[in-house]
């Protein structure tokens, strides 16, 4: 999917994130994890929404985990 043509806005991204058991968000070398159950929308959005107001890329599910952003160690963990 071309993220420039098919954006996922905040509301849709939050709905998607609430379906995950865990969110793993990477920004640079920092990796943050969050269980979305019981978390505030603003806390989830801070991890998954970029400055454009849309879901950050890359974003994908591995099982019940939502992975957002890129950090090599996090990718190795969830993909092996």
C-alpha atoms as a PDB file:
ATOM      1  CA  UNK A   1       0.000   0.000   0.000  1.00  0.00           C
ATOM      2  CA  UNK A   2       1.282   3.458  -0.865  1.00  0.00           C
ATOM      3  CA  UNK A   3       1.148   5.423   2.412  1.00  0.00           C
ATOM      4  CA  UNK A   4       1.082   8.722   0.523  1.00  0.00           C
ATOM      5  CA  UNK A   5      -2.105   7.771  -1.324  1.00  0.00           C
ATOM      6  CA  UNK A   6      -3.781   5.636   1.347  1.00  0.00           C
ATOM      7  CA  UNK A   7      -3.327   7.369   4.675  1.00  0.00           C
ATOM      8  CA  UNK A   8      -4.666   6.018   7.942  1.00  0.00           C
ATOM      9  CA  UNK A   9      -5.866   8.841  10.172  1.00  0.00           C
ATOM     10  CA  UNK A  10      -5.839   9.028  13.952  1.00  0.00           C
ATOM     11  CA  UNK A  11      -9.277   7.506  14.597  1.00  0.00           C
ATOM     12  CA  UNK A  12      -8.721   4.535  12.290  1.00  0.00           C
ATOM     13  CA  UNK A  13      -5.177   4.022  13.611  1.00  0.00           C
ATOM     14  CA  UNK A  14      -6.405   4.040  17.222  1.00  0.00           C
ATOM     15  CA  UNK A  15      -9.096   1.495  16.372  1.00  0.00           C
ATOM     16  CA  UNK A  16      -6.462  -0.711  14.756  1.00  0.00           C
ATOM     17  CA  UNK A  17      -4.100  -0.309  17.727  1.00  0.00           C
ATOM     18  CA  UNK A  18      -6.823  -1.239  20.203  1.00  0.00           C
ATOM     19  CA  UNK A  19      -7.056  -4.605  18.424  1.00  0.00           C
ATOM     20  CA  UNK A  20      -3.426  -5.376  19.318  1.00  0.00           C
ATOM     21  CA  UNK A  21      -2.221  -7.085  22.473  1.00  0.00           C
ATOM     22  CA  UNK A  22       0.983  -5.044  22.375  1.00  0.00           C
ATOM     23  CA  UNK A  23       2.251  -1.992  20.519  1.00  0.00           C
ATOM     24  CA  UNK A  24       5.967  -1.772  19.796  1.00  0.00           C
ATOM     25  CA  UNK A  25       6.958   1.687  18.620  1.00  0.00           C
ATOM     26  CA  UNK A  26      10.434   2.560  17.391  1.00  0.00           C
ATOM     27  CA  UNK A  27      11.745   6.101  16.928  1.00  0.00           C
ATOM     28  CA  UNK A  28      15.440   6.139  16.180  1.00  0.00           C
ATOM     29  CA  UNK A  29      17.081   3.771  18.672  1.00  0.00           C
ATOM     30  CA  UNK A  30      14.311   4.210  21.250  1.00  0.00           C
ATOM     31  CA  UNK A  31      11.798   1.378  21.426  1.00  0.00           C
ATOM     32  CA  UNK A  32       8.671   1.744  23.533  1.00  0.00           C
ATOM     33  CA  UNK A  33       6.118  -0.927  24.336  1.00  0.00           C
ATOM     34  CA  UNK A  34       2.538  -0.431  25.385  1.00  0.00           C
ATOM     35  CA  UNK A  35      -0.409  -2.661  26.150  1.00  0.00           C
ATOM     36  CA  UNK A  36      -3.283  -0.706  24.598  1.00  0.00           C
ATOM     37  CA  UNK A  37      -5.877  -2.228  26.934  1.00  0.00           C
ATOM     38  CA  UNK A  38      -6.749   0.515  29.394  1.00  0.00           C
ATOM     39  CA  UNK A  39      -4.314   2.995  27.834  1.00  0.00           C
ATOM     40  CA  UNK A  40      -5.473   6.515  27.007  1.00  0.00           C
ATOM     41  CA  UNK A  41      -5.972   7.433  23.344  1.00  0.00           C
ATOM     42  CA  UNK A  42      -3.379  10.216  23.606  1.00  0.00           C
ATOM     43  CA  UNK A  43      -0.760   7.782  24.972  1.00  0.00           C
ATOM     44  CA  UNK A  44      -1.361   5.376  22.098  1.00  0.00           C
ATOM     45  CA  UNK A  45      -1.406   8.196  19.550  1.00  0.00           C
ATOM     46  CA  UNK A  46       1.932   9.508  20.829  1.00  0.00           C
ATOM     47  CA  UNK A  47       3.489   6.192  19.807  1.00  0.00           C
ATOM     48  CA  UNK A  48       1.790   5.543  16.480  1.00  0.00           C
ATOM     49  CA  UNK A  49       0.771   8.895  14.955  1.00  0.00           C
ATOM     50  CA  UNK A  50       3.300  10.994  13.063  1.00  0.00           C
ATOM     51  CA  UNK A  51       3.494  14.772  12.577  1.00  0.00           C
ATOM     52  CA  UNK A  52       1.131  14.495   9.599  1.00  0.00           C
ATOM     53  CA  UNK A  53      -1.628  13.274  11.922  1.00  0.00           C
ATOM     54  CA  UNK A  54      -1.603   9.847  10.275  1.00  0.00           C
ATOM     55  CA  UNK A  55      -0.287   6.428  11.213  1.00  0.00           C
ATOM     56  CA  UNK A  56       3.524   6.389  11.061  1.00  0.00           C
ATOM     57  CA  UNK A  57       5.239   4.115   8.571  1.00  0.00           C
ATOM     58  CA  UNK A  58       6.259   1.397   8.479  1.00  0.00           C
ATOM     59  CA  UNK A  59       3.425  -0.146  10.466  1.00  0.00           C
ATOM     60  CA  UNK A  60       2.394  -3.792  10.423  1.00  0.00           C
ATOM     61  CA  UNK A  61       1.050  -6.608  12.570  1.00  0.00           C
ATOM     62  CA  UNK A  62       3.018  -9.676  13.574  1.00  0.00           C
ATOM     63  CA  UNK A  63       0.441 -11.890  15.202  1.00  0.00           C
ATOM     64  CA  UNK A  64      -1.264  -9.675  17.790  1.00  0.00           C
ATOM     65  CA  UNK A  65       1.595  -7.163  17.987  1.00  0.00           C
ATOM     66  CA  UNK A  66       1.441  -3.834  16.163  1.00  0.00           C
ATOM     67  CA  UNK A  67       4.914  -2.726  15.111  1.00  0.00           C
ATOM     68  CA  UNK A  68       5.344   0.953  14.187  1.00  0.00           C
ATOM     69  CA  UNK A  69       8.601   2.498  12.997  1.00  0.00           C
ATOM     70  CA  UNK A  70      11.930   0.782  12.415  1.00  0.00           C
ATOM     71  CA  UNK A  71      14.567  -0.432  14.835  1.00  0.00           C
ATOM     72  CA  UNK A  72      16.616  -3.440  13.793  1.00  0.00           C
ATOM     73  CA  UNK A  73      16.654  -5.136  17.205  1.00  0.00           C
ATOM     74  CA  UNK A  74      12.880  -4.911  17.574  1.00  0.00           C
ATOM     75  CA  UNK A  75      12.407  -6.374  14.087  1.00  0.00           C
ATOM     76  CA  UNK A  76      14.761  -9.268  14.886  1.00  0.00           C
ATOM     77  CA  UNK A  77      12.843  -9.947  18.084  1.00  0.00           C
ATOM     78  CA  UNK A  78       9.404 -10.149  16.523  1.00  0.00           C
ATOM     79  CA  UNK A  79      10.384 -11.747  13.212  1.00  0.00           C
ATOM     80  CA  UNK A  80      12.525 -14.606  14.542  1.00  0.00           C
END
